[in-house]
Amino acid sequence: MSFIGPRPLLPEYLSLYTPQQAHRHDVKPGITGWAQINGRNAISWEEKFRYDVEYVNNVSFLFDLKICFFTLKKVFKREGISQEGEATMERYMGTSK
């Protein structure tokens, strides 16, 4: 595991990923990532996966620095902690077709 990368999810979700979404596993998982600074638990699963794949396709040292900076900013401002009306994110049920 690394500090920056797609946040690991439950193993039971593996069979629910589309081939595109599965590319999130092409890099080590991380504690924070592009999806976390772009909405954390306030965005949909599809958006999270899109951000994760965007990170995988554009991984670089400067991108990691940007994510690190914005992570600190989000933490101190306490933004995007939980989805509206929920204690946390709803359970992932797969991509709607």
PDB file of N, CA and C in Angstrom:
ATOM      1  N   MET A   1       0.851  -1.172   0.000  1.00  0.00           N
ATOM      2  CA  MET A   1       0.000   0.000   0.000  1.00  0.00           C
ATOM      3  C   MET A   1       0.895   1.233   0.000  1.00  0.00           C
ATOM      4  N   SER A   2       0.394   2.283  -0.659  1.00  0.00           N
ATOM      5  CA  SER A   2       1.140   3.534  -0.695  1.00  0.00           C
ATOM      6  C   SER A   2       0.297   4.647  -0.080  1.00  0.00           C
ATOM      7  N   PHE A   3       0.859   5.829   0.020  1.00  0.00           N
ATOM      8  CA  PHE A   3       0.105   6.955   0.573  1.00  0.00           C
ATOM      9  C   PHE A   3      -0.910   7.470  -0.453  1.00  0.00           C
ATOM     10  N   ILE A   4      -0.505   7.549  -1.737  1.00  0.00           N
ATOM     11  CA  ILE A   4      -1.378   8.054  -2.799  1.00  0.00           C
ATOM     12  C   ILE A   4      -1.706   6.919  -3.762  1.00  0.00           C
ATOM     13  N   GLY A   5      -2.986   6.772  -4.074  1.00  0.00           N
ATOM     14  CA  GLY A   5      -3.457   5.751  -5.011  1.00  0.00           C
ATOM     15  C   GLY A   5      -4.938   5.518  -4.798  1.00  0.00           C
ATOM     16  N   PRO A   6      -5.569   4.754  -5.654  1.00  0.00           N
ATOM     17  CA  PRO A   6      -6.991   4.469  -5.451  1.00  0.00           C
ATOM     18  C   PRO A   6      -7.213   3.777  -4.112  1.00  0.00           C
ATOM     19  N   ARG A   7      -8.206   4.232  -3.381  1.00  0.00           N
ATOM     20  CA  ARG A   7      -8.478   3.647  -2.069  1.00  0.00           C
ATOM     21  C   ARG A   7      -8.965   2.210  -2.238  1.00  0.00           C
ATOM     22  N   PRO A   8      -8.405   1.256  -1.467  1.00  0.00           N
ATOM     23  CA  PRO A   8      -8.831  -0.138  -1.600  1.00  0.00           C
ATOM     24  C   PRO A   8     -10.286  -0.316  -1.164  1.00  0.00           C
ATOM     25  N   LEU A   9     -10.973  -1.207  -1.852  1.00  0.00           N
ATOM     26  CA  LEU A   9     -12.371  -1.501  -1.537  1.00  0.00           C
ATOM     27  C   LEU A   9     -12.499  -2.954  -1.106  1.00  0.00           C
ATOM     28  N   LEU A  10     -13.666  -3.333  -0.684  1.00  0.00           N
ATOM     29  CA  LEU A  10     -13.905  -4.706  -0.240  1.00  0.00           C
ATOM     30  C   LEU A  10     -13.677  -5.702  -1.374  1.00  0.00           C
ATOM     31  N   PRO A  11     -13.051  -6.857  -1.089  1.00  0.00           N
ATOM     32  CA  PRO A  11     -12.817  -7.870  -2.119  1.00  0.00           C
ATOM     33  C   PRO A  11     -14.109  -8.359  -2.779  1.00  0.00           C
ATOM     34  N   GLU A  12     -15.213  -8.299  -2.066  1.00  0.00           N
ATOM     35  CA  GLU A  12     -16.486  -8.763  -2.641  1.00  0.00           C
ATOM     36  C   GLU A  12     -16.948  -7.900  -3.814  1.00  0.00           C
ATOM     37  N   TYR A  13     -16.366  -6.714  -3.985  1.00  0.00           N
ATOM     38  CA  TYR A  13     -16.728  -5.840  -5.105  1.00  0.00           C
ATOM     39  C   TYR A  13     -16.012  -6.215  -6.400  1.00  0.00           C
ATOM     40  N   LEU A  14     -14.966  -7.038  -6.337  1.00  0.00           N
ATOM     41  CA  LEU A  14     -14.149  -7.350  -7.509  1.00  0.00           C
ATOM     42  C   LEU A  14     -14.962  -7.820  -8.711  1.00  0.00           C
ATOM     43  N   SER A  15     -15.940  -8.668  -8.494  1.00  0.00           N
ATOM     44  CA  SER A  15     -16.724  -9.205  -9.612  1.00  0.00           C
ATOM     45  C   SER A  15     -17.692  -8.172 -10.189  1.00  0.00           C
ATOM     46  N   LEU A  16     -17.867  -7.040  -9.524  1.00  0.00           N
ATOM     47  CA  LEU A  16     -18.808  -6.015  -9.978  1.00  0.00           C
ATOM     48  C   LEU A  16     -18.165  -4.955 -10.874  1.00  0.00           C
ATOM     49  N   TYR A  17     -16.831  -4.917 -10.934  1.00  0.00           N
ATOM     50  CA  TYR A  17     -16.136  -3.909 -11.731  1.00  0.00           C
ATOM     51  C   TYR A  17     -16.296  -4.174 -13.219  1.00  0.00           C
ATOM     52  N   THR A  18     -16.432  -3.094 -13.992  1.00  0.00           N
ATOM     53  CA  THR A  18     -16.347  -3.211 -15.445  1.00  0.00           C
ATOM     54  C   THR A  18     -14.859  -3.369 -15.780  1.00  0.00           C
ATOM     55  N   PRO A  19     -14.525  -3.800 -16.995  1.00  0.00           N
ATOM     56  CA  PRO A  19     -13.100  -3.891 -17.357  1.00  0.00           C
ATOM     57  C   PRO A  19     -12.379  -2.545 -17.203  1.00  0.00           C
ATOM     58  N   GLN A  20     -13.050  -1.458 -17.529  1.00  0.00           N
ATOM     59  CA  GLN A  20     -12.453  -0.126 -17.377  1.00  0.00           C
ATOM     60  C   GLN A  20     -12.185   0.180 -15.902  1.00  0.00           C
ATOM     61  N   GLN A  21     -13.158  -0.099 -15.040  1.00  0.00           N
ATOM     62  CA  GLN A  21     -13.008   0.170 -13.606  1.00  0.00           C
ATOM     63  C   GLN A  21     -11.915  -0.688 -12.983  1.00  0.00           C
ATOM     64  N   ALA A  22     -11.706  -1.873 -13.510  1.00  0.00           N
ATOM     65  CA  ALA A  22     -10.696  -2.783 -12.959  1.00  0.00           C
ATOM     66  C   ALA A  22      -9.278  -2.230 -13.107  1.00  0.00           C
ATOM     67  N   HIS A  23      -9.083  -1.257 -13.986  1.00  0.00           N
ATOM     68  CA  HIS A  23      -7.753  -0.658 -14.164  1.00  0.00           C
ATOM     69  C   HIS A  23      -7.279   0.083 -12.923  1.00  0.00           C
ATOM     70  N   ARG A  24      -8.179   0.329 -11.988  1.00  0.00           N
ATOM     71  CA  ARG A  24      -7.775   0.972 -10.730  1.00  0.00           C
ATOM     72  C   ARG A  24      -6.773   0.106  -9.978  1.00  0.00           C
ATOM     73  N   HIS A  25      -6.705  -1.185 -10.327  1.00  0.00           N
ATOM     74  CA  HIS A  25      -5.789  -2.107  -9.660  1.00  0.00           C
ATOM     75  C   HIS A  25      -4.423  -2.187 -10.349  1.00  0.00           C
ATOM     76  N   ASP A  26      -4.208  -1.350 -11.359  1.00  0.00           N
ATOM     77  CA  ASP A  26      -2.919  -1.344 -12.059  1.00  0.00           C
ATOM     78  C   ASP A  26      -1.827  -0.626 -11.264  1.00  0.00           C
ATOM     79  N   VAL A  27      -2.207   0.041 -10.186  1.00  0.00           N
ATOM     80  CA  VAL A  27      -1.249   0.700  -9.291  1.00  0.00           C
ATOM     81  C   VAL A  27      -1.547   0.254  -7.863  1.00  0.00           C
ATOM     82  N   LYS A  28      -0.602   0.507  -6.964  1.00  0.00           N
ATOM     83  CA  LYS A  28      -0.817   0.158  -5.555  1.00  0.00           C
ATOM     84  C   LYS A  28      -1.966   0.993  -4.986  1.00  0.00           C
ATOM     85  N   PRO A  29      -2.775   0.413  -4.107  1.00  0.00           N
ATOM     86  CA  PRO A  29      -3.826   1.208  -3.454  1.00  0.00           C
ATOM     87  C   PRO A  29      -3.201   2.211  -2.495  1.00  0.00           C
ATOM     88  N   GLY A  30      -3.975   3.240  -2.161  1.00  0.00           N
ATOM     89  CA  GLY A  30      -3.455   4.271  -1.284  1.00  0.00           C
ATOM     90  C   GLY A  30      -4.453   4.720  -0.231  1.00  0.00           C
ATOM     91  N   ILE A  31      -3.959   5.498   0.677  1.00  0.00           N
ATOM     92  CA  ILE A  31      -4.785   6.058   1.745  1.00  0.00           C
ATOM     93  C   ILE A  31      -5.631   7.207   1.207  1.00  0.00           C
ATOM     94  N   THR A  32      -5.062   7.990   0.310  1.00  0.00           N
ATOM     95  CA  THR A  32      -5.785   9.080  -0.329  1.00  0.00           C
ATOM     96  C   THR A  32      -5.543   9.010  -1.825  1.00  0.00           C
ATOM     97  N   GLY A  33      -6.410   9.653  -2.580  1.00  0.00           N
ATOM     98  CA  GLY A  33      -6.272   9.608  -4.023  1.00  0.00           C
ATOM     99  C   GLY A  33      -7.088  10.689  -4.712  1.00  0.00           C
ATOM    100  N   TRP A  34      -7.078  10.642  -6.031  1.00  0.00           N
ATOM    101  CA  TRP A  34      -7.756  11.628  -6.860  1.00  0.00           C
ATOM    102  C   TRP A  34      -9.266  11.643  -6.578  1.00  0.00           C
ATOM    103  N   ALA A  35      -9.870  10.494  -6.355  1.00  0.00           N
ATOM    104  CA  ALA A  35     -11.305  10.442  -6.043  1.00  0.00           C
ATOM    105  C   ALA A  35     -11.597  11.067  -4.677  1.00  0.00           C
ATOM    106  N   GLN A  36     -10.711  10.906  -3.722  1.00  0.00           N
ATOM    107  CA  GLN A  36     -10.953  11.444  -2.390  1.00  0.00           C
ATOM    108  C   GLN A  36     -10.944  12.973  -2.394  1.00  0.00           C
ATOM    109  N   ILE A  37     -10.064  13.571  -3.165  1.00  0.00           N
ATOM    110  CA  ILE A  37     -10.028  15.035  -3.156  1.00  0.00           C
ATOM    111  C   ILE A  37     -11.079  15.637  -4.081  1.00  0.00           C
ATOM    112  N   ASN A  38     -11.717  14.801  -4.890  1.00  0.00           N
ATOM    113  CA  ASN A  38     -12.764  15.285  -5.796  1.00  0.00           C
ATOM    114  C   ASN A  38     -14.164  14.903  -5.327  1.00  0.00           C
ATOM    115  N   GLY A  39     -14.318  14.678  -4.053  1.00  0.00           N
ATOM    116  CA  GLY A  39     -15.652  14.432  -3.546  1.00  0.00           C
ATOM    117  C   GLY A  39     -15.747  13.440  -2.418  1.00  0.00           C
ATOM    118  N   ARG A  40     -14.737  12.630  -2.248  1.00  0.00           N
ATOM    119  CA  ARG A  40     -14.713  11.664  -1.150  1.00  0.00           C
ATOM    120  C   ARG A  40     -15.972  10.822  -1.147  1.00  0.00           C
ATOM    121  N   ASN A  41     -16.802  10.873  -0.115  1.00  0.00           N
ATOM    122  CA  ASN A  41     -18.030  10.080  -0.054  1.00  0.00           C
ATOM    123  C   ASN A  41     -19.245  10.812  -0.614  1.00  0.00           C
ATOM    124  N   ALA A  42     -19.055  12.022  -1.122  1.00  0.00           N
ATOM    125  CA  ALA A  42     -20.172  12.811  -1.633  1.00  0.00           C
ATOM    126  C   ALA A  42     -20.401  12.606  -3.127  1.00  0.00           C
ATOM    127  N   ILE A  43     -19.617  11.745  -3.779  1.00  0.00           N
ATOM    128  CA  ILE A  43     -19.793  11.489  -5.211  1.00  0.00           C
ATOM    129  C   ILE A  43     -20.238  10.046  -5.417  1.00  0.00           C
ATOM    130  N   SER A  44     -20.739   9.758  -6.608  1.00  0.00           N
ATOM    131  CA  SER A  44     -21.226   8.409  -6.907  1.00  0.00           C
ATOM    132  C   SER A  44     -20.061   7.437  -7.085  1.00  0.00           C
ATOM    133  N   TRP A  45     -20.384   6.148  -7.023  1.00  0.00           N
ATOM    134  CA  TRP A  45     -19.363   5.120  -7.261  1.00  0.00           C
ATOM    135  C   TRP A  45     -18.774   5.258  -8.653  1.00  0.00           C
ATOM    136  N   GLU A  46     -19.601   5.532  -9.662  1.00  0.00           N
ATOM    137  CA  GLU A  46     -19.108   5.674 -11.026  1.00  0.00           C
ATOM    138  C   GLU A  46     -18.108   6.818 -11.137  1.00  0.00           C
ATOM    139  N   GLU A  47     -18.392   7.929 -10.443  1.00  0.00           N
ATOM    140  CA  GLU A  47     -17.450   9.046 -10.448  1.00  0.00           C
ATOM    141  C   GLU A  47     -16.147   8.663  -9.758  1.00  0.00           C
ATOM    142  N   LYS A  48     -16.246   7.959  -8.626  1.00  0.00           N
ATOM    143  CA  LYS A  48     -15.038   7.502  -7.926  1.00  0.00           C
ATOM    144  C   LYS A  48     -14.169   6.655  -8.840  1.00  0.00           C
ATOM    145  N   PHE A  49     -14.797   5.702  -9.536  1.00  0.00           N
ATOM    146  CA  PHE A  49     -14.032   4.831 -10.429  1.00  0.00           C
ATOM    147  C   PHE A  49     -13.430   5.622 -11.589  1.00  0.00           C
ATOM    148  N   ARG A  50     -14.162   6.607 -12.105  1.00  0.00           N
ATOM    149  CA  ARG A  50     -13.642   7.433 -13.199  1.00  0.00           C
ATOM    150  C   ARG A  50     -12.396   8.187 -12.727  1.00  0.00           C
ATOM    151  N   TYR A  51     -12.460   8.767 -11.520  1.00  0.00           N
ATOM    152  CA  TYR A  51     -11.291   9.464 -10.972  1.00  0.00           C
ATOM    153  C   TYR A  51     -10.133   8.500 -10.718  1.00  0.00           C
ATOM    154  N   ASP A  52     -10.420   7.299 -10.222  1.00  0.00           N
ATOM    155  CA  ASP A  52      -9.365   6.313  -9.974  1.00  0.00           C
ATOM    156  C   ASP A  52      -8.656   5.931 -11.268  1.00  0.00           C
ATOM    157  N   VAL A  53      -9.420   5.695 -12.311  1.00  0.00           N
ATOM    158  CA  VAL A  53      -8.828   5.310 -13.603  1.00  0.00           C
ATOM    159  C   VAL A  53      -8.069   6.493 -14.208  1.00  0.00           C
ATOM    160  N   GLU A  54      -8.595   7.710 -14.035  1.00  0.00           N
ATOM    161  CA  GLU A  54      -7.879   8.899 -14.505  1.00  0.00           C
ATOM    162  C   GLU A  54      -6.525   9.001 -13.809  1.00  0.00           C
ATOM    163  N   TYR A  55      -6.495   8.722 -12.511  1.00  0.00           N
ATOM    164  CA  TYR A  55      -5.225   8.744 -11.775  1.00  0.00           C
ATOM    165  C   TYR A  55      -4.259   7.706 -12.345  1.00  0.00           C
ATOM    166  N   VAL A  56      -4.742   6.478 -12.537  1.00  0.00           N
ATOM    167  CA  VAL A  56      -3.893   5.402 -13.064  1.00  0.00           C
ATOM    168  C   VAL A  56      -3.306   5.791 -14.420  1.00  0.00           C
ATOM    169  N   ASN A  57      -4.110   6.433 -15.259  1.00  0.00           N
ATOM    170  CA  ASN A  57      -3.658   6.810 -16.601  1.00  0.00           C
ATOM    171  C   ASN A  57      -2.703   7.995 -16.611  1.00  0.00           C
ATOM    172  N   ASN A  58      -2.659   8.757 -15.512  1.00  0.00           N
ATOM    173  CA  ASN A  58      -1.834   9.974 -15.483  1.00  0.00           C
ATOM    174  C   ASN A  58      -0.890  10.039 -14.287  1.00  0.00           C
ATOM    175  N   VAL A  59      -0.576   8.904 -13.682  1.00  0.00           N
ATOM    176  CA  VAL A  59       0.245   8.890 -12.478  1.00  0.00           C
ATOM    177  C   VAL A  59       1.609   9.550 -12.735  1.00  0.00           C
ATOM    178  N   SER A  60       1.992  10.437 -11.812  1.00  0.00           N
ATOM    179  CA  SER A  60       3.292  11.097 -11.879  1.00  0.00           C
ATOM    180  C   SER A  60       3.608  11.684 -10.506  1.00  0.00           C
ATOM    181  N   PHE A  61       4.840  12.049 -10.305  1.00  0.00           N
ATOM    182  CA  PHE A  61       5.253  12.639  -9.038  1.00  0.00           C
ATOM    183  C   PHE A  61       4.517  13.958  -8.789  1.00  0.00           C
ATOM    184  N   LEU A  62       4.385  14.802  -9.831  1.00  0.00           N
ATOM    185  CA  LEU A  62       3.700  16.086  -9.662  1.00  0.00           C
ATOM    186  C   LEU A  62       2.214  15.896  -9.368  1.00  0.00           C
ATOM    187  N   PHE A  63       1.592  14.900 -10.003  1.00  0.00           N
ATOM    188  CA  PHE A  63       0.186  14.597  -9.737  1.00  0.00           C
ATOM    189  C   PHE A  63       0.028  14.156  -8.279  1.00  0.00           C
ATOM    190  N   ASP A  64       0.951  13.327  -7.801  1.00  0.00           N
ATOM    191  CA  ASP A  64       0.921  12.890  -6.402  1.00  0.00           C
ATOM    192  C   ASP A  64       1.076  14.076  -5.441  1.00  0.00           C
ATOM    193  N   LEU A  65       1.957  15.026  -5.760  1.00  0.00           N
ATOM    194  CA  LEU A  65       2.121  16.211  -4.923  1.00  0.00           C
ATOM    195  C   LEU A  65       0.834  17.035  -4.882  1.00  0.00           C
ATOM    196  N   LYS A  66       0.195  17.170  -6.027  1.00  0.00           N
ATOM    197  CA  LYS A  66      -1.069  17.904  -6.100  1.00  0.00           C
ATOM    198  C   LYS A  66      -2.122  17.240  -5.214  1.00  0.00           C
ATOM    199  N   ILE A  67      -2.226  15.915  -5.298  1.00  0.00           N
ATOM    200  CA  ILE A  67      -3.194  15.169  -4.491  1.00  0.00           C
ATOM    201  C   ILE A  67      -2.872  15.321  -3.003  1.00  0.00           C
ATOM    202  N   CYS A  68      -1.613  15.263  -2.658  1.00  0.00           N
ATOM    203  CA  CYS A  68      -1.185  15.411  -1.262  1.00  0.00           C
ATOM    204  C   CYS A  68      -1.587  16.791  -0.735  1.00  0.00           C
ATOM    205  N   PHE A  69      -1.322  17.833  -1.504  1.00  0.00           N
ATOM    206  CA  PHE A  69      -1.670  19.193  -1.093  1.00  0.00           C
ATOM    207  C   PHE A  69      -3.178  19.335  -0.889  1.00  0.00           C
ATOM    208  N   PHE A  70      -3.966  18.883  -1.880  1.00  0.00           N
ATOM    209  CA  PHE A  70      -5.416  19.022  -1.775  1.00  0.00           C
ATOM    210  C   PHE A  70      -6.020  18.122  -0.703  1.00  0.00           C
ATOM    211  N   THR A  71      -5.377  16.986  -0.419  1.00  0.00           N
ATOM    212  CA  THR A  71      -5.837  16.129   0.674  1.00  0.00           C
ATOM    213  C   THR A  71      -5.725  16.870   2.002  1.00  0.00           C
ATOM    214  N   LEU A  72      -4.583  17.487   2.247  1.00  0.00           N
ATOM    215  CA  LEU A  72      -4.403  18.251   3.487  1.00  0.00           C
ATOM    216  C   LEU A  72      -5.431  19.375   3.587  1.00  0.00           C
ATOM    217  N   LYS A  73      -5.668  20.054   2.489  1.00  0.00           N
ATOM    218  CA  LYS A  73      -6.655  21.131   2.466  1.00  0.00           C
ATOM    219  C   LYS A  73      -8.051  20.600   2.812  1.00  0.00           C
ATOM    220  N   LYS A  74      -8.453  19.475   2.200  1.00  0.00           N
ATOM    221  CA  LYS A  74      -9.777  18.884   2.456  1.00  0.00           C
ATOM    222  C   LYS A  74      -9.908  18.432   3.908  1.00  0.00           C
ATOM    223  N   VAL A  75      -8.862  17.838   4.446  1.00  0.00           N
ATOM    224  CA  VAL A  75      -8.901  17.346   5.820  1.00  0.00           C
ATOM    225  C   VAL A  75      -9.102  18.508   6.798  1.00  0.00           C
ATOM    226  N   PHE A  76      -8.351  19.579   6.600  1.00  0.00           N
ATOM    227  CA  PHE A  76      -8.471  20.708   7.513  1.00  0.00           C
ATOM    228  C   PHE A  76      -9.793  21.446   7.368  1.00  0.00           C
ATOM    229  N   LYS A  77     -10.378  21.437   6.170  1.00  0.00           N
ATOM    230  CA  LYS A  77     -11.672  22.090   5.957  1.00  0.00           C
ATOM    231  C   LYS A  77     -12.845  21.141   6.232  1.00  0.00           C
ATOM    232  N   ARG A  78     -12.546  19.835   6.416  1.00  0.00           N
ATOM    233  CA  ARG A  78     -13.555  18.808   6.687  1.00  0.00           C
ATOM    234  C   ARG A  78     -14.616  18.742   5.596  1.00  0.00           C
ATOM    235  N   GLU A  79     -14.174  18.746   4.340  1.00  0.00           N
ATOM    236  CA  GLU A  79     -15.081  18.710   3.195  1.00  0.00           C
ATOM    237  C   GLU A  79     -15.319  17.288   2.707  1.00  0.00           C
ATOM    238  N   GLY A  80     -16.564  17.011   2.276  1.00  0.00           N
ATOM    239  CA  GLY A  80     -16.889  15.754   1.618  1.00  0.00           C
ATOM    240  C   GLY A  80     -16.770  14.520   2.480  1.00  0.00           C
ATOM    241  N   ILE A  81     -16.978  14.642   3.751  1.00  0.00           N
ATOM    242  CA  ILE A  81     -16.778  13.511   4.657  1.00  0.00           C
ATOM    243  C   ILE A  81     -17.837  12.434   4.479  1.00  0.00           C
ATOM    244  N   SER A  82     -19.090  12.814   4.364  1.00  0.00           N
ATOM    245  CA  SER A  82     -20.132  11.804   4.197  1.00  0.00           C
ATOM    246  C   SER A  82     -21.141  12.249   3.157  1.00  0.00           C
ATOM    247  N   GLN A  83     -21.810  11.277   2.568  1.00  0.00           N
ATOM    248  CA  GLN A  83     -22.823  11.547   1.570  1.00  0.00           C
ATOM    249  C   GLN A  83     -24.026  12.190   2.252  1.00  0.00           C
ATOM    250  N   GLU A  84     -24.715  13.068   1.559  1.00  0.00           N
ATOM    251  CA  GLU A  84     -25.880  13.767   2.094  1.00  0.00           C
ATOM    252  C   GLU A  84     -26.877  12.796   2.709  1.00  0.00           C
ATOM    253  N   GLY A  85     -27.182  12.995   3.994  1.00  0.00           N
ATOM    254  CA  GLY A  85     -28.159  12.162   4.690  1.00  0.00           C
ATOM    255  C   GLY A  85     -27.657  10.797   5.113  1.00  0.00           C
ATOM    256  N   GLU A  86     -26.395  10.490   4.893  1.00  0.00           N
ATOM    257  CA  GLU A  86     -25.824   9.182   5.228  1.00  0.00           C
ATOM    258  C   GLU A  86     -24.629   9.368   6.149  1.00  0.00           C
ATOM    259  N   ALA A  87     -24.360   8.347   6.950  1.00  0.00           N
ATOM    260  CA  ALA A  87     -23.182   8.379   7.815  1.00  0.00           C
ATOM    261  C   ALA A  87     -21.924   8.167   6.988  1.00  0.00           C
ATOM    262  N   THR A  88     -22.045   7.447   5.888  1.00  0.00           N
ATOM    263  CA  THR A  88     -20.924   7.159   5.001  1.00  0.00           C
ATOM    264  C   THR A  88     -21.473   6.875   3.611  1.00  0.00           C
ATOM    265  N   MET A  89     -20.705   6.269   2.751  1.00  0.00           N
ATOM    266  CA  MET A  89     -21.103   5.981   1.371  1.00  0.00           C
ATOM    267  C   MET A  89     -22.021   4.766   1.312  1.00  0.00           C
ATOM    268  N   GLU A  90     -23.001   4.788   0.404  1.00  0.00           N
ATOM    269  CA  GLU A  90     -23.865   3.621   0.247  1.00  0.00           C
ATOM    270  C   GLU A  90     -23.072   2.442  -0.311  1.00  0.00           C
ATOM    271  N   ARG A  91     -23.583   1.253  -0.136  1.00  0.00           N
ATOM    272  CA  ARG A  91     -22.926   0.037  -0.586  1.00  0.00           C
ATOM    273  C   ARG A  91     -22.879  -0.009  -2.106  1.00  0.00           C
ATOM    274  N   TYR A  92     -21.754  -0.441  -2.680  1.00  0.00           N
ATOM    275  CA  TYR A  92     -21.610  -0.540  -4.124  1.00  0.00           C
ATOM    276  C   TYR A  92     -22.328  -1.776  -4.629  1.00  0.00           C
ATOM    277  N   MET A  93     -23.209  -1.587  -5.605  1.00  0.00           N
ATOM    278  CA  MET A  93     -24.011  -2.691  -6.145  1.00  0.00           C
ATOM    279  C   MET A  93     -23.677  -2.986  -7.606  1.00  0.00           C
ATOM    280  N   GLY A  94     -22.646  -2.369  -8.135  1.00  0.00           N
ATOM    281  CA  GLY A  94     -22.264  -2.561  -9.529  1.00  0.00           C
ATOM    282  C   GLY A  94     -22.724  -1.389 -10.365  1.00  0.00           C
ATOM    283  N   THR A  95     -22.197  -1.305 -11.561  1.00  0.00           N
ATOM    284  CA  THR A  95     -22.536  -0.220 -12.469  1.00  0.00           C
ATOM    285  C   THR A  95     -23.913  -0.450 -13.066  1.00  0.00           C
ATOM    286  N   SER A  96     -24.746   0.586 -13.038  1.00  0.00           N
ATOM    287  CA  SER A  96     -26.075   0.468 -13.656  1.00  0.00           C
ATOM    288  C   SER A  96     -25.909   0.467 -15.168  1.00  0.00           C
ATOM    289  N   LYS A  97     -26.636  -0.372 -15.829  1.00  0.00           N
ATOM    290  CA  LYS A  97     -26.493  -0.521 -17.282  1.00  0.00           C
ATOM    291  C   LYS A  97     -27.555   0.241 -18.000  1.00  0.00           C
TER     292      LYS A  97
END
